[in-house]
Amino acid sequence: MANVILKLMTIFSTDVGVSEIQYTSVEKLGDVIDLFMNKYGNKIRKSFINKRGKLESHVVILVNGRNYLFLDEFNTKLKDGDQIVISPPLVGG
């Protein structure tokens, strides 16, 4: 079991009212997302989950700077000190 930090960027932190949440005794990324949605889902659901109940395609989830889609998605195993970031896409130039 791991102790991790979840960081919320821009609209997500505004919707929820916090920019950082610490989770203890989690094993996988999916555990963190479940805990987060159980507590904050009513505040963030519109910008986070689509009408079919799936994660919106514009949501970026990083584990230690790596996109979760290129890891083991929600089954990505976590270790102490891991940082998870939820963000809208970052663009610019």
Protein backbone atom coordinates (compact mmCIF):
# COMPACT_ATOMS: atom_id res chain seq x y z
CA MET A 1 0.00 0.00 0.00
CA ALA A 2 1.22 3.46 -0.93
CA ASN A 3 0.87 7.05 0.23
CA VAL A 4 0.48 9.34 -2.79
CA ILE A 5 -0.38 12.93 -3.69
CA LEU A 6 -3.06 13.86 -6.20
CA LYS A 7 -2.63 17.30 -7.79
CA LEU A 8 -5.52 18.97 -9.58
CA MET A 9 -4.86 21.58 -12.22
CA THR A 10 -6.89 24.56 -13.49
CA ILE A 11 -10.61 23.86 -13.88
CA PHE A 12 -10.45 20.70 -11.79
CA SER A 13 -8.97 22.47 -8.75
CA THR A 14 -11.45 25.32 -9.23
CA ASP A 15 -14.42 22.92 -9.37
CA VAL A 16 -13.31 20.98 -6.29
CA GLY A 17 -11.87 23.85 -4.24
CA VAL A 18 -8.51 22.19 -3.52
CA SER A 19 -5.37 21.75 -5.58
CA GLU A 20 -3.75 18.85 -3.73
CA ILE A 21 -5.05 15.79 -1.90
CA GLN A 22 -3.04 13.14 -0.08
CA TYR A 23 -4.20 9.53 -0.18
CA THR A 24 -2.88 6.80 2.08
CA SER A 25 -2.95 3.04 1.76
CA VAL A 26 -3.77 2.86 -1.94
CA GLU A 27 -2.52 0.19 -4.31
CA LYS A 28 -3.50 1.28 -7.83
CA LEU A 29 -4.32 4.45 -9.73
CA GLY A 30 -7.94 3.28 -9.96
CA ASP A 31 -8.14 3.26 -6.14
CA VAL A 32 -7.17 6.95 -6.06
CA ILE A 33 -9.65 7.88 -8.79
CA ASP A 34 -12.43 5.95 -7.00
CA LEU A 35 -11.71 7.70 -3.68
CA PHE A 36 -11.53 11.06 -5.42
CA MET A 37 -14.82 10.55 -7.28
CA ASN A 38 -16.59 9.26 -4.17
CA LYS A 39 -15.77 12.51 -2.34
CA TYR A 40 -15.74 15.11 -5.14
CA GLY A 41 -17.67 13.50 -8.00
CA ASN A 42 -20.74 15.69 -7.52
CA LYS A 43 -18.56 18.81 -7.97
CA ILE A 44 -16.48 17.62 -10.92
CA ARG A 45 -18.57 15.08 -12.79
CA LYS A 46 -19.55 17.48 -15.65
CA SER A 47 -15.95 18.22 -16.59
CA PHE A 48 -14.56 14.77 -15.78
CA ILE A 49 -17.08 12.10 -16.89
CA ASN A 50 -19.07 11.99 -20.13
CA LYS A 51 -22.75 11.02 -20.52
CA ARG A 52 -21.80 7.34 -20.95
CA GLY A 53 -20.00 7.33 -17.59
CA LYS A 54 -16.53 7.25 -19.18
CA LEU A 55 -13.60 9.54 -18.47
CA GLU A 56 -13.74 12.58 -20.78
CA SER A 57 -11.17 12.35 -23.56
CA HIS A 58 -9.74 15.78 -22.69
CA VAL A 59 -8.75 14.70 -19.16
CA VAL A 60 -5.02 14.09 -18.78
CA ILE A 61 -3.87 11.85 -15.91
CA LEU A 62 -0.16 11.64 -15.21
CA VAL A 63 1.63 9.34 -12.78
CA ASN A 64 5.06 10.77 -11.99
CA GLY A 65 4.88 12.75 -15.24
CA ARG A 66 3.86 9.80 -17.43
CA ASN A 67 0.46 9.53 -19.07
CA TYR A 68 -1.52 6.71 -17.46
CA LEU A 69 -2.57 5.49 -20.93
CA PHE A 70 1.05 4.50 -21.58
CA LEU A 71 1.33 2.70 -18.24
CA ASP A 72 -1.19 0.13 -17.04
CA GLU A 73 -4.06 2.65 -17.11
CA PHE A 74 -6.18 2.45 -13.94
CA ASN A 75 -4.36 -0.75 -12.93
CA THR A 76 -1.06 1.15 -12.62
CA LYS A 77 0.51 0.11 -9.32
CA LEU A 78 1.53 2.94 -7.03
CA LYS A 79 4.38 3.30 -4.56
CA ASP A 80 5.06 5.69 -1.69
CA GLY A 81 5.66 9.23 -2.84
CA ASP A 82 4.09 8.88 -6.29
CA GLN A 83 2.50 12.04 -7.66
CA ILE A 84 -0.66 11.91 -9.73
CA VAL A 85 -1.73 14.96 -11.73
CA ILE A 86 -5.17 15.47 -13.26
CA SER A 87 -5.22 18.22 -15.84
CA PRO A 88 -6.94 19.38 -18.98
CA PRO A 89 -4.71 19.19 -22.05
CA LEU A 90 -1.80 21.61 -21.95
CA VAL A 91 -1.31 23.49 -25.20
CA GLY A 92 0.51 26.55 -26.33
CA GLY A 93 3.62 27.63 -27.99
